[in-house]
Amino acid sequence: MKVFNGIQEALVLALMLVSVLVLFYVNIDITYKIGIGAIVFIIIFLSTLAATLLRQQREIQQAQT
């Protein structure tokens, strides 16, 4: 069961890579690192949720026709 298409998957992987680089290799305060990590997690979670809901809606519409 595939959730993302190729472009969405590439964007999520790029976001994960950039966030890991920022969290481990940039010298900023720990509170900013926690905030960045939380925002990245929320973005990835919501994009996965939205893609899954859109796929399910598309399947329901195809089943009705």
PDB file of N, CA and C in Angstrom:
ATOM      1  N   MET A   1       0.845  -1.165   0.000  1.00  0.00           N
ATOM      2  CA  MET A   1       0.000   0.000   0.000  1.00  0.00           C
ATOM      3  C   MET A   1       0.902   1.243   0.000  1.00  0.00           C
ATOM      4  N   LYS A   2       0.984   1.894  -1.124  1.00  0.00           N
ATOM      5  CA  LYS A   2       1.863   3.046  -1.279  1.00  0.00           C
ATOM      6  C   LYS A   2       1.102   4.315  -0.920  1.00  0.00           C
ATOM      7  N   VAL A   3       1.706   5.130  -0.055  1.00  0.00           N
ATOM      8  CA  VAL A   3       1.047   6.344   0.407  1.00  0.00           C
ATOM      9  C   VAL A   3       1.481   7.539  -0.434  1.00  0.00           C
ATOM     10  N   PHE A   4       2.789   7.712  -0.602  1.00  0.00           N
ATOM     11  CA  PHE A   4       3.307   8.876  -1.306  1.00  0.00           C
ATOM     12  C   PHE A   4       3.590   8.563  -2.765  1.00  0.00           C
ATOM     13  N   ASN A   5       3.533   9.611  -3.612  1.00  0.00           N
ATOM     14  CA  ASN A   5       4.077   9.462  -4.944  1.00  0.00           C
ATOM     15  C   ASN A   5       5.538   9.892  -4.882  1.00  0.00           C
ATOM     16  N   GLY A   6       6.219   9.869  -5.995  1.00  0.00           N
ATOM     17  CA  GLY A   6       7.662  10.102  -6.004  1.00  0.00           C
ATOM     18  C   GLY A   6       8.069  11.482  -5.519  1.00  0.00           C
ATOM     19  N   ILE A   7       7.340  12.505  -5.904  1.00  0.00           N
ATOM     20  CA  ILE A   7       7.699  13.871  -5.523  1.00  0.00           C
ATOM     21  C   ILE A   7       7.494  14.085  -4.026  1.00  0.00           C
ATOM     22  N   GLN A   8       6.381  13.614  -3.496  1.00  0.00           N
ATOM     23  CA  GLN A   8       6.127  13.763  -2.066  1.00  0.00           C
ATOM     24  C   GLN A   8       7.170  13.016  -1.247  1.00  0.00           C
ATOM     25  N   GLU A   9       7.542  11.825  -1.698  1.00  0.00           N
ATOM     26  CA  GLU A   9       8.534  11.040  -0.986  1.00  0.00           C
ATOM     27  C   GLU A   9       9.888  11.741  -0.987  1.00  0.00           C
ATOM     28  N   ALA A  10      10.265  12.324  -2.110  1.00  0.00           N
ATOM     29  CA  ALA A  10      11.529  13.048  -2.194  1.00  0.00           C
ATOM     30  C   ALA A  10      11.530  14.276  -1.288  1.00  0.00           C
ATOM     31  N   LEU A  11      10.402  15.000  -1.236  1.00  0.00           N
ATOM     32  CA  LEU A  11      10.325  16.177  -0.369  1.00  0.00           C
ATOM     33  C   LEU A  11      10.400  15.806   1.111  1.00  0.00           C
ATOM     34  N   VAL A  12       9.756  14.722   1.502  1.00  0.00           N
ATOM     35  CA  VAL A  12       9.813  14.285   2.899  1.00  0.00           C
ATOM     36  C   VAL A  12      11.227  13.838   3.256  1.00  0.00           C
ATOM     37  N   LEU A  13      11.892  13.112   2.361  1.00  0.00           N
ATOM     38  CA  LEU A  13      13.266  12.686   2.622  1.00  0.00           C
ATOM     39  C   LEU A  13      14.208  13.879   2.713  1.00  0.00           C
ATOM     40  N   ALA A  14      14.017  14.878   1.858  1.00  0.00           N
ATOM     41  CA  ALA A  14      14.848  16.077   1.911  1.00  0.00           C
ATOM     42  C   ALA A  14      14.615  16.835   3.222  1.00  0.00           C
ATOM     43  N   LEU A  15      13.364  16.930   3.651  1.00  0.00           N
ATOM     44  CA  LEU A  15      13.055  17.581   4.921  1.00  0.00           C
ATOM     45  C   LEU A  15      13.697  16.842   6.084  1.00  0.00           C
ATOM     46  N   MET A  16      13.650  15.525   6.061  1.00  0.00           N
ATOM     47  CA  MET A  16      14.278  14.740   7.112  1.00  0.00           C
ATOM     48  C   MET A  16      15.785  14.939   7.123  1.00  0.00           C
ATOM     49  N   LEU A  17      16.403  14.955   5.960  1.00  0.00           N
ATOM     50  CA  LEU A  17      17.853  15.132   5.872  1.00  0.00           C
ATOM     51  C   LEU A  17      18.274  16.508   6.380  1.00  0.00           C
ATOM     52  N   VAL A  18      17.581  17.542   5.956  1.00  0.00           N
ATOM     53  CA  VAL A  18      17.907  18.899   6.400  1.00  0.00           C
ATOM     54  C   VAL A  18      17.703  19.030   7.905  1.00  0.00           C
ATOM     55  N   SER A  19      16.635  18.443   8.419  1.00  0.00           N
ATOM     56  CA  SER A  19      16.391  18.553   9.856  1.00  0.00           C
ATOM     57  C   SER A  19      17.451  17.815  10.657  1.00  0.00           C
ATOM     58  N   VAL A  20      17.907  16.663  10.187  1.00  0.00           N
ATOM     59  CA  VAL A  20      18.969  15.938  10.886  1.00  0.00           C
ATOM     60  C   VAL A  20      20.257  16.742  10.869  1.00  0.00           C
ATOM     61  N   LEU A  21      20.574  17.339   9.732  1.00  0.00           N
ATOM     62  CA  LEU A  21      21.776  18.161   9.665  1.00  0.00           C
ATOM     63  C   LEU A  21      21.692  19.350  10.621  1.00  0.00           C
ATOM     64  N   VAL A  22      20.541  19.999  10.670  1.00  0.00           N
ATOM     65  CA  VAL A  22      20.369  21.142  11.563  1.00  0.00           C
ATOM     66  C   VAL A  22      20.445  20.704  13.025  1.00  0.00           C
ATOM     67  N   LEU A  23      19.807  19.601  13.348  1.00  0.00           N
ATOM     68  CA  LEU A  23      19.750  19.179  14.740  1.00  0.00           C
ATOM     69  C   LEU A  23      21.091  18.712  15.277  1.00  0.00           C
ATOM     70  N   PHE A  24      21.926  18.109  14.447  1.00  0.00           N
ATOM     71  CA  PHE A  24      23.164  17.539  14.953  1.00  0.00           C
ATOM     72  C   PHE A  24      24.411  18.362  14.646  1.00  0.00           C
ATOM     73  N   TYR A  25      24.393  19.151  13.596  1.00  0.00           N
ATOM     74  CA  TYR A  25      25.623  19.812  13.181  1.00  0.00           C
ATOM     75  C   TYR A  25      25.609  21.331  13.307  1.00  0.00           C
ATOM     76  N   VAL A  26      24.496  21.923  13.685  1.00  0.00           N
ATOM     77  CA  VAL A  26      24.430  23.365  13.848  1.00  0.00           C
ATOM     78  C   VAL A  26      24.459  23.668  15.340  1.00  0.00           C
ATOM     79  N   ASN A  27      25.254  24.656  15.712  1.00  0.00           N
ATOM     80  CA  ASN A  27      25.424  24.994  17.119  1.00  0.00           C
ATOM     81  C   ASN A  27      24.364  26.024  17.528  1.00  0.00           C
ATOM     82  N   ILE A  28      23.165  25.514  17.875  1.00  0.00           N
ATOM     83  CA  ILE A  28      22.100  26.382  18.376  1.00  0.00           C
ATOM     84  C   ILE A  28      21.607  25.831  19.707  1.00  0.00           C
ATOM     85  N   ASP A  29      20.834  26.628  20.401  1.00  0.00           N
ATOM     86  CA  ASP A  29      20.325  26.255  21.716  1.00  0.00           C
ATOM     87  C   ASP A  29      19.426  25.014  21.615  1.00  0.00           C
ATOM     88  N   ILE A  30      19.404  24.214  22.688  1.00  0.00           N
ATOM     89  CA  ILE A  30      18.645  22.965  22.688  1.00  0.00           C
ATOM     90  C   ILE A  30      17.145  23.206  22.526  1.00  0.00           C
ATOM     91  N   THR A  31      16.634  24.319  23.020  1.00  0.00           N
ATOM     92  CA  THR A  31      15.198  24.583  22.885  1.00  0.00           C
ATOM     93  C   THR A  31      14.821  24.798  21.417  1.00  0.00           C
ATOM     94  N   TYR A  32      15.696  25.442  20.646  1.00  0.00           N
ATOM     95  CA  TYR A  32      15.437  25.607  19.220  1.00  0.00           C
ATOM     96  C   TYR A  32      15.492  24.256  18.502  1.00  0.00           C
ATOM     97  N   LYS A  33      16.418  23.400  18.916  1.00  0.00           N
ATOM     98  CA  LYS A  33      16.515  22.072  18.310  1.00  0.00           C
ATOM     99  C   LYS A  33      15.250  21.262  18.576  1.00  0.00           C
ATOM    100  N   ILE A  34      14.733  21.352  19.795  1.00  0.00           N
ATOM    101  CA  ILE A  34      13.494  20.646  20.130  1.00  0.00           C
ATOM    102  C   ILE A  34      12.337  21.197  19.301  1.00  0.00           C
ATOM    103  N   GLY A  35      12.267  22.501  19.174  1.00  0.00           N
ATOM    104  CA  GLY A  35      11.210  23.116  18.371  1.00  0.00           C
ATOM    105  C   GLY A  35      11.289  22.724  16.912  1.00  0.00           C
ATOM    106  N   ILE A  36      12.490  22.726  16.353  1.00  0.00           N
ATOM    107  CA  ILE A  36      12.670  22.321  14.950  1.00  0.00           C
ATOM    108  C   ILE A  36      12.271  20.865  14.766  1.00  0.00           C
ATOM    109  N   GLY A  37      12.691  20.007  15.694  1.00  0.00           N
ATOM    110  CA  GLY A  37      12.331  18.591  15.618  1.00  0.00           C
ATOM    111  C   GLY A  37      10.832  18.378  15.684  1.00  0.00           C
ATOM    112  N   ALA A  38      10.160  19.117  16.555  1.00  0.00           N
ATOM    113  CA  ALA A  38       8.705  18.992  16.683  1.00  0.00           C
ATOM    114  C   ALA A  38       7.996  19.468  15.417  1.00  0.00           C
ATOM    115  N   ILE A  39       8.440  20.590  14.865  1.00  0.00           N
ATOM    116  CA  ILE A  39       7.818  21.106  13.644  1.00  0.00           C
ATOM    117  C   ILE A  39       8.007  20.145  12.483  1.00  0.00           C
ATOM    118  N   VAL A  40       9.209  19.589  12.348  1.00  0.00           N
ATOM    119  CA  VAL A  40       9.463  18.633  11.265  1.00  0.00           C
ATOM    120  C   VAL A  40       8.597  17.394  11.440  1.00  0.00           C
ATOM    121  N   PHE A  41       8.492  16.889  12.676  1.00  0.00           N
ATOM    122  CA  PHE A  41       7.648  15.725  12.926  1.00  0.00           C
ATOM    123  C   PHE A  41       6.194  16.010  12.556  1.00  0.00           C
ATOM    124  N   ILE A  42       5.694  17.181  12.949  1.00  0.00           N
ATOM    125  CA  ILE A  42       4.306  17.534  12.646  1.00  0.00           C
ATOM    126  C   ILE A  42       4.083  17.634  11.142  1.00  0.00           C
ATOM    127  N   ILE A  43       5.025  18.241  10.423  1.00  0.00           N
ATOM    128  CA  ILE A  43       4.882  18.373   8.966  1.00  0.00           C
ATOM    129  C   ILE A  43       4.863  17.002   8.296  1.00  0.00           C
ATOM    130  N   ILE A  44       5.764  16.126   8.698  1.00  0.00           N
ATOM    131  CA  ILE A  44       5.805  14.785   8.099  1.00  0.00           C
ATOM    132  C   ILE A  44       4.544  14.004   8.454  1.00  0.00           C
ATOM    133  N   PHE A  45       4.092  14.089   9.703  1.00  0.00           N
ATOM    134  CA  PHE A  45       2.878  13.381  10.121  1.00  0.00           C
ATOM    135  C   PHE A  45       1.660  13.882   9.353  1.00  0.00           C
ATOM    136  N   LEU A  46       1.512  15.200   9.242  1.00  0.00           N
ATOM    137  CA  LEU A  46       0.342  15.744   8.546  1.00  0.00           C
ATOM    138  C   LEU A  46       0.377  15.461   7.051  1.00  0.00           C
ATOM    139  N   SER A  47       1.553  15.476   6.443  1.00  0.00           N
ATOM    140  CA  SER A  47       1.624  15.160   5.016  1.00  0.00           C
ATOM    141  C   SER A  47       1.283  13.695   4.767  1.00  0.00           C
ATOM    142  N   THR A  48       1.721  12.808   5.655  1.00  0.00           N
ATOM    143  CA  THR A  48       1.368  11.392   5.527  1.00  0.00           C
ATOM    144  C   THR A  48      -0.133  11.194   5.717  1.00  0.00           C
ATOM    145  N   LEU A  49      -0.696  11.859   6.713  1.00  0.00           N
ATOM    146  CA  LEU A  49      -2.127  11.755   6.967  1.00  0.00           C
ATOM    147  C   LEU A  49      -2.939  12.282   5.791  1.00  0.00           C
ATOM    148  N   ALA A  50      -2.544  13.430   5.256  1.00  0.00           N
ATOM    149  CA  ALA A  50      -3.266  14.013   4.123  1.00  0.00           C
ATOM    150  C   ALA A  50      -3.181  13.119   2.888  1.00  0.00           C
ATOM    151  N   ALA A  51      -2.006  12.567   2.612  1.00  0.00           N
ATOM    152  CA  ALA A  51      -1.852  11.699   1.447  1.00  0.00           C
ATOM    153  C   ALA A  51      -2.699  10.435   1.594  1.00  0.00           C
ATOM    154  N   THR A  52      -2.741   9.888   2.797  1.00  0.00           N
ATOM    155  CA  THR A  52      -3.550   8.684   3.033  1.00  0.00           C
ATOM    156  C   THR A  52      -5.033   8.985   2.877  1.00  0.00           C
ATOM    157  N   LEU A  53      -5.487  10.108   3.424  1.00  0.00           N
ATOM    158  CA  LEU A  53      -6.907  10.459   3.308  1.00  0.00           C
ATOM    159  C   LEU A  53      -7.302  10.737   1.857  1.00  0.00           C
ATOM    160  N   LEU A  54      -6.440  11.404   1.114  1.00  0.00           N
ATOM    161  CA  LEU A  54      -6.736  11.658  -0.297  1.00  0.00           C
ATOM    162  C   LEU A  54      -6.794  10.364  -1.103  1.00  0.00           C
ATOM    163  N   ARG A  55      -5.893   9.428  -0.796  1.00  0.00           N
ATOM    164  CA  ARG A  55      -5.908   8.145  -1.499  1.00  0.00           C
ATOM    165  C   ARG A  55      -7.182   7.374  -1.179  1.00  0.00           C
ATOM    166  N   GLN A  56      -7.597   7.374   0.086  1.00  0.00           N
ATOM    167  CA  GLN A  56      -8.824   6.678   0.459  1.00  0.00           C
ATOM    168  C   GLN A  56     -10.051   7.324  -0.178  1.00  0.00           C
ATOM    169  N   GLN A  57     -10.073   8.633  -0.239  1.00  0.00           N
ATOM    170  CA  GLN A  57     -11.194   9.330  -0.868  1.00  0.00           C
ATOM    171  C   GLN A  57     -11.253   8.990  -2.356  1.00  0.00           C
ATOM    172  N   ARG A  58     -10.108   8.926  -3.003  1.00  0.00           N
ATOM    173  CA  ARG A  58     -10.063   8.575  -4.425  1.00  0.00           C
ATOM    174  C   ARG A  58     -10.565   7.146  -4.643  1.00  0.00           C
ATOM    175  N   GLU A  59     -10.191   6.228  -3.757  1.00  0.00           N
ATOM    176  CA  GLU A  59     -10.651   4.844  -3.874  1.00  0.00           C
ATOM    177  C   GLU A  59     -12.168   4.757  -3.667  1.00  0.00           C
ATOM    178  N   ILE A  60     -12.706   5.520  -2.744  1.00  0.00           N
ATOM    179  CA  ILE A  60     -14.151   5.516  -2.501  1.00  0.00           C
ATOM    180  C   ILE A  60     -14.889   6.046  -3.726  1.00  0.00           C
ATOM    181  N   GLN A  61     -14.383   7.115  -4.319  1.00  0.00           N
ATOM    182  CA  GLN A  61     -15.024   7.677  -5.511  1.00  0.00           C
ATOM    183  C   GLN A  61     -14.969   6.703  -6.683  1.00  0.00           C
ATOM    184  N   GLN A  62     -13.865   5.975  -6.825  1.00  0.00           N
ATOM    185  CA  GLN A  62     -13.758   4.998  -7.909  1.00  0.00           C
ATOM    186  C   GLN A  62     -14.687   3.826  -7.666  1.00  0.00           C
ATOM    187  N   ALA A  63     -14.893   3.460  -6.418  1.00  0.00           N
ATOM    188  CA  ALA A  63     -15.788   2.336  -6.109  1.00  0.00           C
ATOM    189  C   ALA A  63     -17.242   2.704  -6.358  1.00  0.00           C
ATOM    190  N   GLN A  64     -17.589   3.973  -6.226  1.00  0.00           N
ATOM    191  CA  GLN A  64     -18.964   4.401  -6.432  1.00  0.00           C
ATOM    192  C   GLN A  64     -19.313   4.509  -7.903  1.00  0.00           C
ATOM    193  N   THR A  65     -18.331   4.685  -8.764  1.00  0.00           N
ATOM    194  CA  THR A  65     -18.626   4.829 -10.188  1.00  0.00           C
ATOM    195  C   THR A  65     -18.563   3.521 -10.911  1.00  0.00           C
TER     196      THR A  65
END
